[in-house]
C-alpha cells in the first residue's frame, strides 16, 4: 500500500469546498513572502533600536561625566572667587596701611 501511495502523483484538487486551490497556494506564497519581508524589516528595526539605545547610553554617560566636570569647575570657581575676595581684602588693607604711612611721611616732612 505504501509503495502504491508513493507511486501516485500527488496533485491537489483544482478546488476544495468552493475554494480555488491554486489561488489559495498563490495567496499563501504571497503572504509568506510578505511575512518574511516584515520579519526582515522588524529585525532591521530591532537592530536600529539597539544601536540607538547604545548611543543614548553613551550620551548619558558622557552627560553624567560632563555634569561631574561642571560641578568640579563650579567648586573650583567658588574657591577662586573666595581667594579673590581674600586677596582683594588683603590688598585693600595694605593700600590703607600704605596710605596711612604716606600721610605720616607727608605730615613729618611738612614744615
PDB file of N, CA and C in Angstrom:
ATOM      1  N   UNK A   1       0.830  -1.193   0.000  1.00  0.00           N
ATOM      2  CA  UNK A   1       0.000   0.000   0.000  1.00  0.00           C
ATOM      3  C   UNK A   1       0.874   1.255   0.000  1.00  0.00           C
ATOM      4  N   UNK A   2       1.967   1.213   0.800  1.00  0.00           N
ATOM      5  CA  UNK A   2       2.854   2.368   0.864  1.00  0.00           C
ATOM      6  C   UNK A   2       3.472   2.636  -0.498  1.00  0.00           C
ATOM      7  N   UNK A   3       3.943   1.580  -1.163  1.00  0.00           N
ATOM      8  CA  UNK A   3       4.562   1.732  -2.480  1.00  0.00           C
ATOM      9  C   UNK A   3       3.548   2.271  -3.482  1.00  0.00           C
ATOM     10  N   UNK A   4       2.322   1.810  -3.368  1.00  0.00           N
ATOM     11  CA  UNK A   4       1.282   2.281  -4.286  1.00  0.00           C
ATOM     12  C   UNK A   4       1.003   3.761  -4.063  1.00  0.00           C
ATOM     13  N   UNK A   5       0.942   4.174  -2.795  1.00  0.00           N
ATOM     14  CA  UNK A   5       0.684   5.584  -2.495  1.00  0.00           C
ATOM     15  C   UNK A   5       1.844   6.468  -2.960  1.00  0.00           C
ATOM     16  N   UNK A   6       3.066   6.001  -2.777  1.00  0.00           N
ATOM     17  CA  UNK A   6       4.233   6.767  -3.201  1.00  0.00           C
ATOM     18  C   UNK A   6       4.340   6.862  -4.717  1.00  0.00           C
ATOM     19  N   UNK A   7       3.833   5.882  -5.425  1.00  0.00           N
ATOM     20  CA  UNK A   7       3.923   5.886  -6.882  1.00  0.00           C
ATOM     21  C   UNK A   7       2.889   6.815  -7.514  1.00  0.00           C
ATOM     22  N   UNK A   8       1.828   7.124  -6.827  1.00  0.00           N
ATOM     23  CA  UNK A   8       0.795   8.005  -7.361  1.00  0.00           C
ATOM     24  C   UNK A   8       1.283   9.458  -7.333  1.00  0.00           C
ATOM     25  N   UNK A   9       1.022  10.184  -8.390  1.00  0.00           N
ATOM     26  CA  UNK A   9       1.385  11.598  -8.344  1.00  0.00           C
ATOM     27  C   UNK A   9       0.492  12.332  -7.344  1.00  0.00           C
ATOM     28  N   UNK A  10       1.120  13.230  -6.606  1.00  0.00           N
ATOM     29  CA  UNK A  10       0.375  13.986  -5.605  1.00  0.00           C
ATOM     30  C   UNK A  10      -0.109  15.270  -6.263  1.00  0.00           C
ATOM     31  N   UNK A  11      -1.351  15.350  -6.540  1.00  0.00           N
ATOM     32  CA  UNK A  11      -1.910  16.552  -7.161  1.00  0.00           C
ATOM     33  C   UNK A  11      -3.025  17.067  -6.285  1.00  0.00           C
ATOM     34  N   UNK A  12      -3.027  18.362  -6.143  1.00  0.00           N
ATOM     35  CA  UNK A  12      -4.083  18.979  -5.350  1.00  0.00           C
ATOM     36  C   UNK A  12      -5.301  19.160  -6.245  1.00  0.00           C
ATOM     37  N   UNK A  13      -6.463  19.017  -5.664  1.00  0.00           N
ATOM     38  CA  UNK A  13      -7.667  19.232  -6.480  1.00  0.00           C
ATOM     39  C   UNK A  13      -7.734  20.698  -6.909  1.00  0.00           C
ATOM     40  N   UNK A  14      -8.390  20.966  -8.019  1.00  0.00           N
ATOM     41  CA  UNK A  14      -8.497  22.325  -8.533  1.00  0.00           C
ATOM     42  C   UNK A  14      -9.269  23.210  -7.567  1.00  0.00           C
ATOM     43  N   UNK A  15     -10.253  22.621  -6.927  1.00  0.00           N
ATOM     44  CA  UNK A  15     -10.987  23.398  -5.928  1.00  0.00           C
ATOM     45  C   UNK A  15     -11.399  22.464  -4.800  1.00  0.00           C
ATOM     46  N   UNK A  16     -11.570  23.061  -3.656  1.00  0.00           N
ATOM     47  CA  UNK A  16     -11.973  22.280  -2.493  1.00  0.00           C
ATOM     48  C   UNK A  16     -13.014  23.095  -1.754  1.00  0.00           C
ATOM     49  N   UNK A  17     -14.164  22.554  -1.628  1.00  0.00           N
ATOM     50  CA  UNK A  17     -15.260  23.209  -0.920  1.00  0.00           C
ATOM     51  C   UNK A  17     -15.505  24.623  -1.480  1.00  0.00           C
ATOM     52  N   UNK A  18     -15.380  24.743  -2.818  1.00  0.00           N
ATOM     53  CA  UNK A  18     -15.666  26.021  -3.471  1.00  0.00           C
ATOM     54  C   UNK A  18     -14.501  26.995  -3.469  1.00  0.00           C
ATOM     55  N   UNK A  19     -13.337  26.589  -2.961  1.00  0.00           N
ATOM     56  CA  UNK A  19     -12.167  27.478  -2.910  1.00  0.00           C
ATOM     57  C   UNK A  19     -11.187  27.037  -3.992  1.00  0.00           C
ATOM     58  N   UNK A  20     -10.684  28.005  -4.777  1.00  0.00           N
ATOM     59  CA  UNK A  20      -9.698  27.726  -5.821  1.00  0.00           C
ATOM     60  C   UNK A  20      -8.364  27.408  -5.144  1.00  0.00           C
ATOM     61  N   UNK A  21      -7.953  26.153  -5.220  1.00  0.00           N
ATOM     62  CA  UNK A  21      -6.751  25.697  -4.523  1.00  0.00           C
ATOM     63  C   UNK A  21      -5.501  26.385  -5.080  1.00  0.00           C
ATOM     64  N   UNK A  22      -5.397  26.549  -6.382  1.00  0.00           N
ATOM     65  CA  UNK A  22      -4.228  27.198  -6.981  1.00  0.00           C
ATOM     66  C   UNK A  22      -4.117  28.643  -6.478  1.00  0.00           C
ATOM     67  N   UNK A  23      -5.259  29.351  -6.440  1.00  0.00           N
ATOM     68  CA  UNK A  23      -5.243  30.737  -5.940  1.00  0.00           C
ATOM     69  C   UNK A  23      -4.874  30.770  -4.464  1.00  0.00           C
ATOM     70  N   UNK A  24      -5.375  29.792  -3.723  1.00  0.00           N
ATOM     71  CA  UNK A  24      -5.052  29.696  -2.294  1.00  0.00           C
ATOM     72  C   UNK A  24      -3.551  29.487  -2.101  1.00  0.00           C
ATOM     73  N   UNK A  25      -2.932  28.649  -2.949  1.00  0.00           N
ATOM     74  CA  UNK A  25      -1.490  28.409  -2.862  1.00  0.00           C
ATOM     75  C   UNK A  25      -0.713  29.680  -3.219  1.00  0.00           C
ATOM     76  N   UNK A  26      -1.174  30.405  -4.238  1.00  0.00           N
ATOM     77  CA  UNK A  26      -0.522  31.670  -4.616  1.00  0.00           C
ATOM     78  C   UNK A  26      -0.649  32.696  -3.475  1.00  0.00           C
ATOM     79  N   UNK A  27      -1.831  32.768  -2.885  1.00  0.00           N
ATOM     80  CA  UNK A  27      -2.045  33.683  -1.757  1.00  0.00           C
ATOM     81  C   UNK A  27      -1.117  33.326  -0.600  1.00  0.00           C
ATOM     82  N   UNK A  28      -0.980  32.011  -0.366  1.00  0.00           N
ATOM     83  CA  UNK A  28      -0.107  31.560   0.713  1.00  0.00           C
ATOM     84  C   UNK A  28       1.345  31.973   0.429  1.00  0.00           C
ATOM     85  N   UNK A  29       1.806  31.772  -0.813  1.00  0.00           N
ATOM     86  CA  UNK A  29       3.168  32.161  -1.176  1.00  0.00           C
ATOM     87  C   UNK A  29       3.355  33.673  -0.996  1.00  0.00           C
ATOM     88  N   UNK A  30       2.351  34.452  -1.463  1.00  0.00           N
ATOM     89  CA  UNK A  30       2.428  35.910  -1.357  1.00  0.00           C
ATOM     90  C   UNK A  30       2.487  36.346   0.110  1.00  0.00           C
ATOM     91  N   UNK A  31       1.614  35.757   0.925  1.00  0.00           N
ATOM     92  CA  UNK A  31       1.600  36.115   2.348  1.00  0.00           C
ATOM     93  C   UNK A  31       2.874  35.665   3.049  1.00  0.00           C
ATOM     94  N   UNK A  32       3.397  34.503   2.655  1.00  0.00           N
ATOM     95  CA  UNK A  32       4.659  34.024   3.233  1.00  0.00           C
ATOM     96  C   UNK A  32       5.798  34.991   2.888  1.00  0.00           C
ATOM     97  N   UNK A  33       5.818  35.478   1.632  1.00  0.00           N
ATOM     98  CA  UNK A  33       6.838  36.435   1.228  1.00  0.00           C
ATOM     99  C   UNK A  33       6.676  37.737   2.026  1.00  0.00           C
ATOM    100  N   UNK A  34       5.432  38.197   2.155  1.00  0.00           N
ATOM    101  CA  UNK A  34       5.178  39.426   2.930  1.00  0.00           C
ATOM    102  C   UNK A  34       5.620  39.238   4.383  1.00  0.00           C
ATOM    103  N   UNK A  35       5.338  38.077   4.954  1.00  0.00           N
ATOM    104  CA  UNK A  35       5.732  37.803   6.331  1.00  0.00           C
ATOM    105  C   UNK A  35       7.258  37.814   6.464  1.00  0.00           C
ATOM    106  N   UNK A  36       7.945  37.187   5.505  1.00  0.00           N
ATOM    107  CA  UNK A  36       9.411  37.171   5.538  1.00  0.00           C
ATOM    108  C   UNK A  36       9.969  38.592   5.421  1.00  0.00           C
ATOM    109  N   UNK A  37       9.370  39.399   4.544  1.00  0.00           N
ATOM    110  CA  UNK A  37       9.807  40.795   4.405  1.00  0.00           C
ATOM    111  C   UNK A  37       9.554  41.564   5.699  1.00  0.00           C
ATOM    112  N   UNK A  38       8.389  41.373   6.285  1.00  0.00           N
ATOM    113  CA  UNK A  38       8.061  42.067   7.536  1.00  0.00           C
ATOM    114  C   UNK A  38       9.003  41.633   8.654  1.00  0.00           C
ATOM    115  N   UNK A  39       9.346  40.349   8.669  1.00  0.00           N
ATOM    116  CA  UNK A  39      10.281  39.841   9.673  1.00  0.00           C
ATOM    117  C   UNK A  39      11.666  40.457   9.484  1.00  0.00           C
ATOM    118  N   UNK A  40      12.095  40.566   8.234  1.00  0.00           N
ATOM    119  CA  UNK A  40      13.399  41.188   7.949  1.00  0.00           C
ATOM    120  C   UNK A  40      13.386  42.657   8.371  1.00  0.00           C
ATOM    121  N   UNK A  41      12.302  43.361   8.064  1.00  0.00           N
ATOM    122  CA  UNK A  41      12.186  44.774   8.466  1.00  0.00           C
ATOM    123  C   UNK A  41      12.180  44.884   9.983  1.00  0.00           C
ATOM    124  N   UNK A  42      11.455  43.997  10.653  1.00  0.00           N
ATOM    125  CA  UNK A  42      11.417  44.019  12.122  1.00  0.00           C
ATOM    126  C   UNK A  42      12.806  43.768  12.706  1.00  0.00           C
ATOM    127  N   UNK A  43      13.550  42.846  12.106  1.00  0.00           N
ATOM    128  CA  UNK A  43      14.920  42.576  12.577  1.00  0.00           C
ATOM    129  C   UNK A  43      15.808  43.795  12.387  1.00  0.00           C
ATOM    130  N   UNK A  44      15.676  44.443  11.230  1.00  0.00           N
ATOM    131  CA  UNK A  44      16.447  45.669  10.972  1.00  0.00           C
ATOM    132  C   UNK A  44      16.072  46.750  11.971  1.00  0.00           C
ATOM    133  N   UNK A  45      14.772  46.923  12.192  1.00  0.00           N
ATOM    134  CA  UNK A  45      14.315  47.932  13.157  1.00  0.00           C
ATOM    135  C   UNK A  45      14.810  47.612  14.564  1.00  0.00           C
ATOM    136  N   UNK A  46      14.780  46.354  14.920  1.00  0.00           N
ATOM    137  CA  UNK A  46      15.257  45.928  16.241  1.00  0.00           C
ATOM    138  C   UNK A  46      16.738  46.271  16.394  1.00  0.00           C
ATOM    139  N   UNK A  47      17.514  46.012  15.330  1.00  0.00           N
ATOM    140  CA  UNK A  47      18.949  46.328  15.347  1.00  0.00           C
ATOM    141  C   UNK A  47      19.156  47.839  15.458  1.00  0.00           C
ATOM    142  N   UNK A  48      18.349  48.605  14.731  1.00  0.00           N
ATOM    143  CA  UNK A  48      18.454  50.068  14.787  1.00  0.00           C
ATOM    144  C   UNK A  48      18.127  50.569  16.183  1.00  0.00           C
ATOM    145  N   UNK A  49      17.093  50.013  16.788  1.00  0.00           N
ATOM    146  CA  UNK A  49      16.719  50.404  18.152  1.00  0.00           C
ATOM    147  C   UNK A  49      17.854  50.085  19.121  1.00  0.00           C
ATOM    148  N   UNK A  50      18.462  48.924  18.978  1.00  0.00           N
ATOM    149  CA  UNK A  50      19.577  48.554  19.860  1.00  0.00           C
ATOM    150  C   UNK A  50      20.742  49.530  19.687  1.00  0.00           C
ATOM    151  N   UNK A  51      21.029  49.910  18.436  1.00  0.00           N
ATOM    152  CA  UNK A  51      22.110  50.867  18.182  1.00  0.00           C
ATOM    153  C   UNK A  51      21.773  52.223  18.805  1.00  0.00           C
ATOM    154  N   UNK A  52      20.519  52.645  18.662  1.00  0.00           N
ATOM    155  CA  UNK A  52      20.114  53.923  19.249  1.00  0.00           C
ATOM    156  C   UNK A  52      20.189  53.877  20.772  1.00  0.00           C
ATOM    157  N   UNK A  53      19.802  52.760  21.368  1.00  0.00           N
ATOM    158  CA  UNK A  53      19.906  52.630  22.823  1.00  0.00           C
ATOM    159  C   UNK A  53      21.363  52.692  23.269  1.00  0.00           C
ATOM    160  N   UNK A  54      22.255  52.070  22.500  1.00  0.00           N
ATOM    161  CA  UNK A  54      23.686  52.152  22.815  1.00  0.00           C
ATOM    162  C   UNK A  54      24.165  53.591  22.755  1.00  0.00           C
ATOM    163  N   UNK A  55      23.727  54.330  21.711  1.00  0.00           N
ATOM    164  CA  UNK A  55      24.121  55.738  21.585  1.00  0.00           C
ATOM    165  C   UNK A  55      23.570  56.554  22.746  1.00  0.00           C
ATOM    166  N   UNK A  56      22.316  56.296  23.116  1.00  0.00           N
ATOM    167  CA  UNK A  56      21.707  57.016  24.246  1.00  0.00           C
ATOM    168  C   UNK A  56      22.494  56.745  25.521  1.00  0.00           C
ATOM    169  N   UNK A  57      22.848  55.481  25.747  1.00  0.00           N
ATOM    170  CA  UNK A  57      23.643  55.141  26.931  1.00  0.00           C
ATOM    171  C   UNK A  57      24.985  55.858  26.913  1.00  0.00           C
ATOM    172  N   UNK A  58      25.621  55.896  25.742  1.00  0.00           N
ATOM    173  CA  UNK A  58      26.911  56.590  25.612  1.00  0.00           C
ATOM    174  C   UNK A  58      26.736  58.070  25.930  1.00  0.00           C
ATOM    175  N   UNK A  59      25.680  58.688  25.381  1.00  0.00           N
ATOM    176  CA  UNK A  59      25.434  60.109  25.633  1.00  0.00           C
ATOM    177  C   UNK A  59      25.121  60.363  27.103  1.00  0.00           C
ATOM    178  N   UNK A  60      24.364  59.440  27.730  1.00  0.00           N
ATOM    179  CA  UNK A  60      24.045  59.603  29.151  1.00  0.00           C
ATOM    180  C   UNK A  60      25.311  59.546  29.997  1.00  0.00           C
ATOM    181  N   UNK A  61      26.202  58.616  29.674  1.00  0.00           N
ATOM    182  CA  UNK A  61      27.474  58.518  30.403  1.00  0.00           C
ATOM    183  C   UNK A  61      28.294  59.788  30.184  1.00  0.00           C
ATOM    184  N   UNK A  62      28.316  60.251  28.938  1.00  0.00           N
ATOM    185  CA  UNK A  62      29.053  61.471  28.603  1.00  0.00           C
ATOM    186  C   UNK A  62      28.453  62.668  29.334  1.00  0.00           C
ATOM    187  N   UNK A  63      27.122  62.728  29.371  1.00  0.00           N
ATOM    188  CA  UNK A  63      26.442  63.820  30.062  1.00  0.00           C
ATOM    189  C   UNK A  63      26.739  63.789  31.557  1.00  0.00           C
ATOM    190  N   UNK A  64      26.693  62.601  32.138  1.00  0.00           N
ATOM    191  CA  UNK A  64      26.997  62.478  33.569  1.00  0.00           C
ATOM    192  C   UNK A  64      28.431  62.920  33.836  1.00  0.00           C
ATOM    193  N   UNK A  65      29.343  62.545  32.952  1.00  0.00           N
ATOM    194  CA  UNK A  65      30.741  62.950  33.093  1.00  0.00           C
ATOM    195  C   UNK A  65      30.861  64.464  32.971  1.00  0.00           C
ATOM    196  N   UNK A  66      30.150  65.040  32.014  1.00  0.00           N
ATOM    197  CA  UNK A  66      30.184  66.491  31.829  1.00  0.00           C
ATOM    198  C   UNK A  66      29.593  67.208  33.036  1.00  0.00           C
ATOM    199  N   UNK A  67      28.510  66.655  33.573  1.00  0.00           N
ATOM    200  CA  UNK A  67      27.900  67.259  34.764  1.00  0.00           C
ATOM    201  C   UNK A  67      28.868  67.212  35.935  1.00  0.00           C
ATOM    202  N   UNK A  68      29.566  66.085  36.086  1.00  0.00           N
ATOM    203  CA  UNK A  68      30.547  65.966  37.169  1.00  0.00           C
ATOM    204  C   UNK A  68      31.670  66.976  36.966  1.00  0.00           C
ATOM    205  N   UNK A  69      32.130  67.113  35.719  1.00  0.00           N
ATOM    206  CA  UNK A  69      33.167  68.103  35.433  1.00  0.00           C
ATOM    207  C   UNK A  69      32.649  69.508  35.700  1.00  0.00           C
ATOM    208  N   UNK A  70      31.382  69.751  35.325  1.00  0.00           N
ATOM    209  CA  UNK A  70      30.778  71.062  35.563  1.00  0.00           C
ATOM    210  C   UNK A  70      30.721  71.382  37.042  1.00  0.00           C
ATOM    211  N   UNK A  71      30.324  70.402  37.861  1.00  0.00           N
ATOM    212  CA  UNK A  71      30.281  70.616  39.311  1.00  0.00           C
ATOM    213  C   UNK A  71      31.676  70.874  39.864  1.00  0.00           C
ATOM    214  N   UNK A  72      32.646  70.123  39.348  1.00  0.00           N
ATOM    215  CA  UNK A  72      34.027  70.312  39.774  1.00  0.00           C
ATOM    216  C   UNK A  72      34.501  71.714  39.413  1.00  0.00           C
ATOM    217  N   UNK A  73      34.143  72.159  38.202  1.00  0.00           N
ATOM    218  CA  UNK A  73      34.522  73.512  37.787  1.00  0.00           C
ATOM    219  C   UNK A  73      33.827  74.573  38.640  1.00  0.00           C
ATOM    220  N   UNK A  74      32.541  74.333  38.951  1.00  0.00           N
ATOM    221  CA  UNK A  74      31.819  75.274  39.819  1.00  0.00           C
ATOM    222  C   UNK A  74      32.499  75.378  41.182  1.00  0.00           C
ATOM    223  N   UNK A  75      32.905  74.248  41.733  1.00  0.00           N
ATOM    224  CA  UNK A  75      33.595  74.252  43.026  1.00  0.00           C
ATOM    225  C   UNK A  75      34.912  75.008  42.922  1.00  0.00           C
ATOM    226  N   UNK A  76      35.637  74.787  41.838  1.00  0.00           N
ATOM    227  CA  UNK A  76      36.918  75.471  41.635  1.00  0.00           C
ATOM    228  C   UNK A  76      36.694  76.983  41.499  1.00  0.00           C
ATOM    229  N   UNK A  77      35.659  77.370  40.752  1.00  0.00           N
ATOM    230  CA  UNK A  77      35.345  78.801  40.591  1.00  0.00           C
ATOM    231  C   UNK A  77      34.973  79.416  41.933  1.00  0.00           C
ATOM    232  N   UNK A  78      34.192  78.692  42.724  1.00  0.00           N
ATOM    233  CA  UNK A  78      33.823  79.189  44.052  1.00  0.00           C
ATOM    234  C   UNK A  78      35.069  79.394  44.911  1.00  0.00           C
ATOM    235  N   UNK A  79      35.979  78.429  44.883  1.00  0.00           N
ATOM    236  CA  UNK A  79      37.226  78.561  45.643  1.00  0.00           C
ATOM    237  C   UNK A  79      38.026  79.772  45.165  1.00  0.00           C
ATOM    238  N   UNK A  80      38.134  79.922  43.833  1.00  0.00           N
ATOM    239  CA  UNK A  80      38.893  81.040  43.285  1.00  0.00           C
ATOM    240  C   UNK A  80      38.240  82.380  43.627  1.00  0.00           C
ATOM    241  N   UNK A  81      36.916  82.419  43.596  1.00  0.00           N
ATOM    242  CA  UNK A  81      36.217  83.651  43.984  1.00  0.00           C
ATOM    243  C   UNK A  81      36.487  83.991  45.447  1.00  0.00           C
ATOM    244  N   UNK A  82      36.477  82.980  46.290  1.00  0.00           N
ATOM    245  CA  UNK A  82      36.759  83.198  47.711  1.00  0.00           C
ATOM    246  C   UNK A  82      38.186  83.716  47.889  1.00  0.00           C
ATOM    247  N   UNK A  83      39.123  83.091  47.173  1.00  0.00           N
ATOM    248  CA  UNK A  83      40.515  83.543  47.236  1.00  0.00           C
ATOM    249  C   UNK A  83      40.638  84.974  46.716  1.00  0.00           C
ATOM    250  N   UNK A  84      39.884  85.294  45.664  1.00  0.00           N
ATOM    251  CA  UNK A  84      39.902  86.645  45.117  1.00  0.00           C
ATOM    252  C   UNK A  84      39.411  87.655  46.142  1.00  0.00           C
ATOM    253  N   UNK A  85      38.342  87.308  46.855  1.00  0.00           N
ATOM    254  CA  UNK A  85      37.824  88.194  47.905  1.00  0.00           C
ATOM    255  C   UNK A  85      38.877  88.367  48.993  1.00  0.00           C
ATOM    256  N   UNK A  86      39.515  87.270  49.379  1.00  0.00           N
ATOM    257  CA  UNK A  86      40.560  87.360  50.415  1.00  0.00           C
ATOM    258  C   UNK A  86      41.712  88.250  49.954  1.00  0.00           C
ATOM    259  N   UNK A  87      42.180  88.039  48.717  1.00  0.00           N
ATOM    260  CA  UNK A  87      43.278  88.840  48.182  1.00  0.00           C
ATOM    261  C   UNK A  87      42.855  90.297  48.059  1.00  0.00           C
ATOM    262  N   UNK A  88      41.636  90.511  47.614  1.00  0.00           N
ATOM    263  CA  UNK A  88      41.125  91.880  47.474  1.00  0.00           C
ATOM    264  C   UNK A  88      41.077  92.578  48.826  1.00  0.00           C
ATOM    265  N   UNK A  89      40.568  91.868  49.836  1.00  0.00           N
ATOM    266  CA  UNK A  89      40.511  92.440  51.184  1.00  0.00           C
ATOM    267  C   UNK A  89      41.907  92.722  51.703  1.00  0.00           C
ATOM    268  N   UNK A  90      42.805  91.769  51.518  1.00  0.00           N
ATOM    269  CA  UNK A  90      44.177  91.930  51.967  1.00  0.00           C
ATOM    270  C   UNK A  90      44.841  93.097  51.238  1.00  0.00           C
ATOM    271  N   UNK A  91      44.592  93.194  49.942  1.00  0.00           N
ATOM    272  CA  UNK A  91      45.158  94.286  49.154  1.00  0.00           C
ATOM    273  C   UNK A  91      44.598  95.630  49.610  1.00  0.00           C
ATOM    274  N   UNK A  92      43.308  95.669  49.886  1.00  0.00           N
ATOM    275  CA  UNK A  92      42.679  96.909  50.361  1.00  0.00           C
ATOM    276  C   UNK A  92      43.285  97.333  51.699  1.00  0.00           C
ATOM    277  N   UNK A  93      43.478  96.370  52.587  1.00  0.00           N
ATOM    278  CA  UNK A  93      44.101  96.695  53.877  1.00  0.00           C
ATOM    279  C   UNK A  93      45.522  97.205  53.669  1.00  0.00           C
ATOM    280  N   UNK A  94      46.258  96.593  52.780  1.00  0.00           N
ATOM    281  CA  UNK A  94      47.636  97.017  52.505  1.00  0.00           C
ATOM    282  C   UNK A  94      47.638  98.433  51.932  1.00  0.00           C
ATOM    283  N   UNK A  95      46.703  98.711  51.021  1.00  0.00           N
ATOM    284  CA  UNK A  95      46.603 100.058  50.440  1.00  0.00           C
ATOM    285  C   UNK A  95      46.319 101.083  51.535  1.00  0.00           C
ATOM    286  N   UNK A  96      45.379 100.761  52.428  1.00  0.00           N
ATOM    287  CA  UNK A  96      45.044 101.685  53.519  1.00  0.00           C
ATOM    288  C   UNK A  96      46.274 101.899  54.414  1.00  0.00           C
ATOM    289  N   UNK A  97      46.997 100.821  54.667  1.00  0.00           N
ATOM    290  CA  UNK A  97      48.197 100.929  55.502  1.00  0.00           C
ATOM    291  C   UNK A  97      49.239 101.819  54.821  1.00  0.00           C
ATOM    292  N   UNK A  98      49.432 101.620  53.509  1.00  0.00           N
ATOM    293  CA  UNK A  98      50.396 102.435  52.772  1.00  0.00           C
ATOM    294  C   UNK A  98      49.960 103.896  52.703  1.00  0.00           C
ATOM    295  N   UNK A  99      48.651 104.121  52.541  1.00  0.00           N
ATOM    296  CA  UNK A  99      48.145 105.495  52.525  1.00  0.00           C
ATOM    297  C   UNK A  99      48.396 106.171  53.876  1.00  0.00           C
ATOM    298  N   UNK A 100      48.205 105.409  54.940  1.00  0.00           N
ATOM    299  CA  UNK A 100      48.441 105.950  56.278  1.00  0.00           C
ATOM    300  C   UNK A 100      49.908 106.308  56.452  1.00  0.00           C
ATOM    301  N   UNK A 101      50.777 105.395  56.002  1.00  0.00           N
ATOM    302  CA  UNK A 101      52.213 105.660  56.098  1.00  0.00           C
ATOM    303  C   UNK A 101      52.585 106.884  55.262  1.00  0.00           C
ATOM    304  N   UNK A 102      51.965 107.005  54.089  1.00  0.00           N
ATOM    305  CA  UNK A 102      52.233 108.133  53.225  1.00  0.00           C
ATOM    306  C   UNK A 102      51.803 109.444  53.895  1.00  0.00           C
ATOM    307  N   UNK A 103      50.643 109.387  54.563  1.00  0.00           N
ATOM    308  CA  UNK A 103      50.171 110.584  55.280  1.00  0.00           C
ATOM    309  C   UNK A 103      51.126 110.922  56.416  1.00  0.00           C
ATOM    310  N   UNK A 104      51.611 109.919  57.110  1.00  0.00           N
ATOM    311  CA  UNK A 104      52.573 110.161  58.191  1.00  0.00           C
ATOM    312  C   UNK A 104      53.855 110.782  57.658  1.00  0.00           C
ATOM    313  N   UNK A 105      54.314 110.251  56.521  1.00  0.00           N
ATOM    314  CA  UNK A 105      55.515 110.794  55.909  1.00  0.00           C
ATOM    315  C   UNK A 105      55.276 112.255  55.492  1.00  0.00           C
ATOM    316  N   UNK A 106      54.106 112.492  54.902  1.00  0.00           N
ATOM    317  CA  UNK A 106      53.761 113.854  54.479  1.00  0.00           C
ATOM    318  C   UNK A 106      53.690 114.782  55.682  1.00  0.00           C
ATOM    319  N   UNK A 107      53.084 114.279  56.746  1.00  0.00           N
ATOM    320  CA  UNK A 107      52.934 115.101  57.948  1.00  0.00           C
ATOM    321  C   UNK A 107      54.303 115.411  58.569  1.00  0.00           C
ATOM    322  N   UNK A 108      55.181 114.387  58.584  1.00  0.00           N
ATOM    323  CA  UNK A 108      56.501 114.584  59.151  1.00  0.00           C
ATOM    324  C   UNK A 108      57.373 115.477  58.288  1.00  0.00           C
ATOM    325  N   UNK A 109      57.167 115.409  56.972  1.00  0.00           N
ATOM    326  CA  UNK A 109      58.026 116.208  56.109  1.00  0.00           C
ATOM    327  C   UNK A 109      57.487 117.625  55.889  1.00  0.00           C
ATOM    328  N   UNK A 110      56.316 117.920  56.349  1.00  0.00           N
ATOM    329  CA  UNK A 110      55.771 119.266  56.165  1.00  0.00           C
ATOM    330  C   UNK A 110      56.410 120.225  57.199  1.00  0.00           C
ATOM    331  N   UNK A 111      56.653 121.476  56.791  1.00  0.00           N
ATOM    332  CA  UNK A 111      57.344 122.417  57.678  1.00  0.00           C
ATOM    333  C   UNK A 111      56.520 122.897  58.837  1.00  0.00           C
TER     334      UNK A 111
END
